[in-house]
Protein backbone atom coordinates (compact mmCIF):
# COMPACT_ATOMS: atom_id res chain seq x y z
CA MET A 1 4.00 3.37 24.40
CA ALA A 2 2.50 1.74 21.78
CA VAL A 3 0.32 -1.02 22.96
CA ILE A 4 -0.35 -3.52 19.97
CA HIS A 5 -2.97 -6.02 20.74
CA ARG A 6 -2.81 -9.56 18.98
CA THR A 7 -6.76 -9.63 18.05
CA THR A 8 -8.55 -9.11 14.68
CA LEU A 9 -10.52 -6.09 12.12
CA THR A 10 -12.70 -6.38 10.60
CA PRO A 11 -12.32 -5.74 7.55
CA SER A 12 -8.68 -5.72 8.29
CA LYS A 13 -6.37 -2.96 7.05
CA MET A 14 -5.69 -4.53 3.75
CA GLU A 15 -9.34 -4.98 2.57
CA LEU A 16 -9.94 -1.00 3.52
CA LEU A 17 -6.38 -0.01 1.62
CA THR A 18 -7.84 -2.00 -1.38
CA SER A 19 -10.50 0.04 -2.15
CA TRP A 20 -9.26 3.18 -1.06
CA LEU A 21 -5.99 3.14 -2.89
CA PRO A 22 -7.49 4.02 -6.40
CA ALA A 23 -9.48 6.88 -5.50
CA GLN A 24 -5.63 8.31 -4.38
CA ALA A 25 -4.06 11.10 -7.12
CA TRP A 26 -0.63 9.26 -6.44
CA TYR A 27 -1.47 5.45 -6.71
CA GLU A 28 0.26 4.38 -9.58
CA GLY A 29 -1.85 1.22 -10.17
CA GLY A 30 -4.46 0.50 -13.19
CA GLY A 31 -7.00 -1.31 -11.60
CA ARG A 32 -7.85 -2.83 -8.23
CA PRO A 33 -4.57 -3.32 -5.92
CA GLU A 34 -3.50 -6.79 -4.66
CA LEU A 35 -1.49 -5.21 -1.47
CA THR A 36 0.89 -7.11 1.08
CA LYS A 37 2.53 -5.00 4.06
CA ALA A 38 5.61 -3.65 3.48
CA GLY A 39 6.97 -1.94 6.59
CA GLY A 40 6.53 0.73 8.76
CA PHE A 41 6.62 1.88 12.36
CA ARG A 42 4.41 3.99 15.14
CA LEU A 43 4.23 6.86 16.77
CA ASP A 44 2.51 7.62 20.37
CA ASP A 45 0.22 10.29 20.94
CA PRO A 46 1.01 12.15 24.54
CA GLN A 47 -2.94 11.60 25.19
CA GLY A 48 -3.26 8.06 24.59
CA GLU A 49 -6.34 8.10 22.62
CA VAL A 50 -5.19 8.04 18.98
CA GLY A 51 -3.30 5.07 17.31
CA ILE A 52 -1.01 6.62 14.93
CA GLU A 53 0.91 4.13 12.39
CA PHE A 54 3.34 5.03 9.38
CA MET A 55 2.59 2.36 7.45
CA VAL A 56 4.08 0.47 3.66
CA VAL A 57 2.19 -1.02 1.37
CA THR A 58 3.23 -2.79 -2.06
CA ASP A 59 0.59 -3.16 -5.02
CA VAL A 60 1.73 -6.57 -7.26
CA SER A 61 -0.87 -5.84 -9.55
CA GLY A 62 1.34 -4.53 -12.26
CA GLU A 63 3.90 -5.12 -14.79
CA ARG A 64 6.42 -4.05 -11.53
CA PRO A 65 5.84 -3.60 -7.39
CA VAL A 66 5.14 -0.48 -6.54
CA SER A 67 5.31 0.21 -2.36
CA TYR A 68 3.29 2.82 -1.27
CA HIS A 69 3.14 5.12 2.31
CA VAL A 70 0.36 5.68 3.47
CA PRO A 71 0.30 7.22 7.35
CA LEU A 72 -3.15 6.03 8.83
CA THR A 73 -4.89 7.04 12.31
CA TYR A 74 -7.04 5.06 14.37
CA ARG A 75 -9.94 6.87 16.66
CA GLY A 76 -12.19 5.74 19.13
CA ALA A 77 -15.13 8.39 17.12
CA PRO A 78 -15.59 10.27 14.16
CA LEU A 79 -12.60 13.31 13.88
CA GLU A 80 -14.89 16.29 13.32
CA GLY A 81 -14.67 18.20 9.51
CA ALA A 82 -12.79 14.87 8.11
CA ASP A 83 -15.11 12.84 6.15
CA HIS A 84 -13.52 13.55 3.19
CA ALA A 85 -10.23 11.34 4.61
CA LEU A 86 -11.79 8.77 6.12
CA VAL A 87 -10.67 4.90 4.94
CA GLY A 88 -13.63 3.18 6.47
CA THR A 89 -14.47 1.99 10.18
CA GLY A 90 -13.70 -1.14 11.23
CA GLU A 91 -14.57 -3.80 14.45
CA HIS A 92 -11.78 -4.29 16.91
CA GLY A 93 -11.65 -7.43 18.75
CA VAL A 94 -10.62 -5.44 21.49
CA LEU A 95 -11.67 -1.73 21.41
CA GLY A 96 -14.61 -1.87 19.34
CA ARG A 97 -15.19 0.32 16.74
CA ARG A 98 -12.45 2.34 15.33
CA TRP A 99 -12.60 5.26 12.33
CA ILE A 100 -9.36 4.92 10.61
CA TYR A 101 -8.04 8.31 8.58
CA ASP A 102 -5.40 8.79 6.29
CA GLY A 103 -3.20 10.40 9.05
CA THR A 104 -2.12 13.50 6.99
CA HIS A 105 -5.35 15.31 7.22
CA ASP A 106 -5.15 14.52 11.49
CA PRO A 107 -3.91 17.19 13.56
CA VAL A 108 -2.77 14.34 16.14
CA LEU A 109 -0.29 13.16 13.69
CA ALA A 110 1.06 16.35 12.38
CA ALA A 111 1.72 17.35 15.58
CA GLN A 112 3.35 14.01 16.50
CA LEU A 113 5.15 14.00 12.92
CA HIS A 114 6.25 17.49 13.92
CA ALA A 115 7.98 16.44 16.71
CA LEU A 116 9.46 13.46 15.27
CA PHE A 117 11.20 15.61 12.93
CA GLN A 118 12.73 17.43 16.17
CA GLY A 119 13.46 14.67 17.99
CA ASP A 120 10.56 15.07 20.51
CA ALA A 121 8.96 12.05 19.52
CA GLU A 122 10.75 8.33 19.58
CA PRO A 123 9.61 5.82 16.85
CA GLN A 124 7.93 2.73 18.16
CA ALA A 125 8.43 -0.47 16.49
CA GLN A 126 4.98 -1.22 13.64
CA SER A 127 3.88 -4.95 15.83
CA VAL A 128 5.52 -4.69 18.87
CA SER A 129 4.33 -3.06 21.97
CA ASN A 130 6.53 -0.68 24.17
CA THR A 131 9.68 -1.08 22.00
CA PRO A 132 11.14 1.74 20.16
CA ASP A 133 12.28 1.65 16.84
CA PRO A 134 16.30 2.24 15.97
CA SER A 135 16.25 1.86 12.51
CA VAL A 136 14.34 5.03 11.78
CA ALA A 137 16.29 7.87 11.17
CA ARG A 138 15.32 11.93 11.49
CA SER A 139 17.18 14.78 11.18
CA PHE A 140 16.14 18.81 11.52
CA THR A 141 18.72 21.74 11.24
CA GLY A 142 18.39 25.51 12.42
CA ALA A 143 16.58 26.69 14.41
CA ALA A 144 13.25 24.52 16.87
CA ALA A 145 10.18 25.40 16.22
CA PRO A 146 8.56 24.00 19.54
CA ASN A 147 5.07 22.29 19.72
CA PRO A 148 1.91 22.49 19.65
CA VAL A 149 1.41 23.09 15.92
CA ARG A 150 -1.66 23.81 14.13
CA LEU A 151 -2.86 22.06 11.03
CA THR A 152 -3.36 24.49 8.48
CA ALA A 153 -3.41 22.78 5.34
CA VAL A 154 -3.43 19.00 3.31
CA ALA A 155 -3.18 19.41 -0.47
CA ASP A 156 -1.75 16.62 -2.30
CA ALA A 157 1.71 17.13 -4.58
CA PRO A 158 3.13 14.31 -7.40
CA HIS A 159 3.29 11.32 -5.42
CA ALA A 160 3.25 13.06 -1.75
CA THR A 161 1.05 14.88 0.21
CA ASP A 162 2.11 18.24 1.70
CA ILE A 163 1.02 19.44 5.17
CA VAL A 164 1.29 22.75 5.88
CA VAL A 165 1.06 23.58 9.86
CA ASP A 166 2.13 26.57 11.89
CA ALA A 167 4.75 26.29 14.60
CA ALA A 168 4.71 28.57 17.64
CA THR A 169 7.77 30.45 18.09
CA ALA A 170 9.76 30.77 21.64
CA ASP A 171 8.66 34.24 22.48
CA GLY A 172 4.64 32.97 21.43
CA GLY A 173 3.95 34.26 18.27
CA ARG A 174 2.98 31.64 15.59
CA ASP A 175 5.42 32.98 12.58
CA GLY A 176 7.32 29.21 12.26
CA ARG A 177 4.75 28.29 9.15
CA LEU A 178 6.44 24.92 7.69
CA THR A 179 5.72 22.66 5.76
CA MET A 180 5.59 17.90 5.88
CA ARG A 181 5.88 16.70 2.59
CA VAL A 182 5.47 12.87 2.86
CA ALA A 183 6.33 10.28 0.48
CA ARG A 184 3.40 8.57 -0.64
CA VAL A 185 5.48 6.36 -3.74
CA LEU A 186 8.50 5.18 -1.83
CA ARG A 187 11.53 4.62 -3.44
CA PRO A 188 15.10 3.19 -2.13
CA GLY A 189 17.47 5.50 -1.56
CA ASP A 190 18.59 9.19 -0.33
CA GLY A 191 15.82 11.06 -2.74
CA ASP A 192 16.23 14.38 -2.86
CA VAL A 193 16.73 16.01 0.44
CA ALA A 194 18.15 19.14 -1.04
CA GLY A 195 16.33 22.58 0.33
CA THR A 196 15.25 21.10 3.17
CA ARG A 197 15.63 21.39 6.87
CA GLY A 198 14.91 17.69 7.78
CA HIS A 199 14.28 14.14 6.57
CA VAL A 200 13.13 10.82 7.89
CA THR A 201 14.03 7.80 6.21
CA ALA A 202 12.89 4.19 7.22
CA GLY A 203 13.23 1.01 5.65
CA TRP A 204 10.36 -1.91 4.11
CA ARG A 205 10.95 -4.80 1.78
CA LEU A 206 10.64 -5.79 -1.37
CA PRO A 207 7.92 -8.52 -2.64
CA ASP A 208 11.31 -10.83 -3.53
CA GLY A 209 12.77 -9.84 0.75
CA ALA A 210 14.59 -7.42 0.00
CA GLU A 211 15.46 -4.94 2.78
CA VAL A 212 15.57 -1.13 1.17
CA ARG A 213 15.46 2.42 3.05
CA GLY A 214 14.45 5.08 1.76
CA VAL A 215 12.75 9.15 2.54
CA PHE A 216 9.15 8.68 4.08
CA ALA A 217 8.87 12.65 4.39
CA VAL A 218 10.78 15.23 4.79
CA ILE A 219 9.84 19.21 6.28
CA ALA A 220 10.78 22.96 4.37
CA ASP A 221 9.86 26.33 5.03
CA ALA A 222 6.50 27.02 3.99
CA PRO A 223 6.55 29.34 0.78
CA ARG A 224 4.49 32.58 2.20
C-alpha cells in the first residue's frame, strides 16, 4: 500500500513542473505557468520500489485555467534509457535523492495502469497512506490481457500521450497489443470514449473550489 511521507522535497514538485511543462507538446500556455495542485491518485508498485502518482495541476497564468494530468514516477536511481523523460531530481527528506520521471515512459507505471484498467490494481489516495481511493472508476470490456505487459512505444498526441504495450495472452503469446491514451489536458465530463475497450475517470478541483470529474485515460486495441 502507498506510504506517504510527511516531509520535504527540494526542489518541490511544483517547482520542477513549472520548468518542465512549457517544453511539452501538449502545453497550452504561452509562457511560465503558475501551478496549483488540483488532485490525483496513486498506484502501488508490487515490488515496492517505484512511487507512482497520477497528479493534476492547474495553470492559472492565462486567460482561463487549464488543468493538466501529469503521471509521475519516483525512483531511487536513474531509469536506464529514460533521460529524455526526466522531469528532474530532488532531495527527499526521508528517502534521499529521487529521480522523478514523466511516468508515461516508465515501464512500471505502464504495467500498473494496465492492471488498473483490468481491475487488478487498486487506486490509492494521493496524500494519505494505506488508503484506497474509491472515487477513481475504471472499466474494461472484452477478453482480459493478463500482466505482465511490455512497454514498446510512447508518443504524444494532441492533448494526450499514447503508451503502446504488448500484453501476454492466455496461451503465452504476445499478440495482445494495446494503446493506453493518457489525457494530458483534462476536461470535465465523460469525454470521447467511443471505440475504446475501457477508461479511467477521476476527480479534481477547479480554482473556484468546484469538484469535477473527467476521463484520465482510455485503452484500445493498437493499430497493426
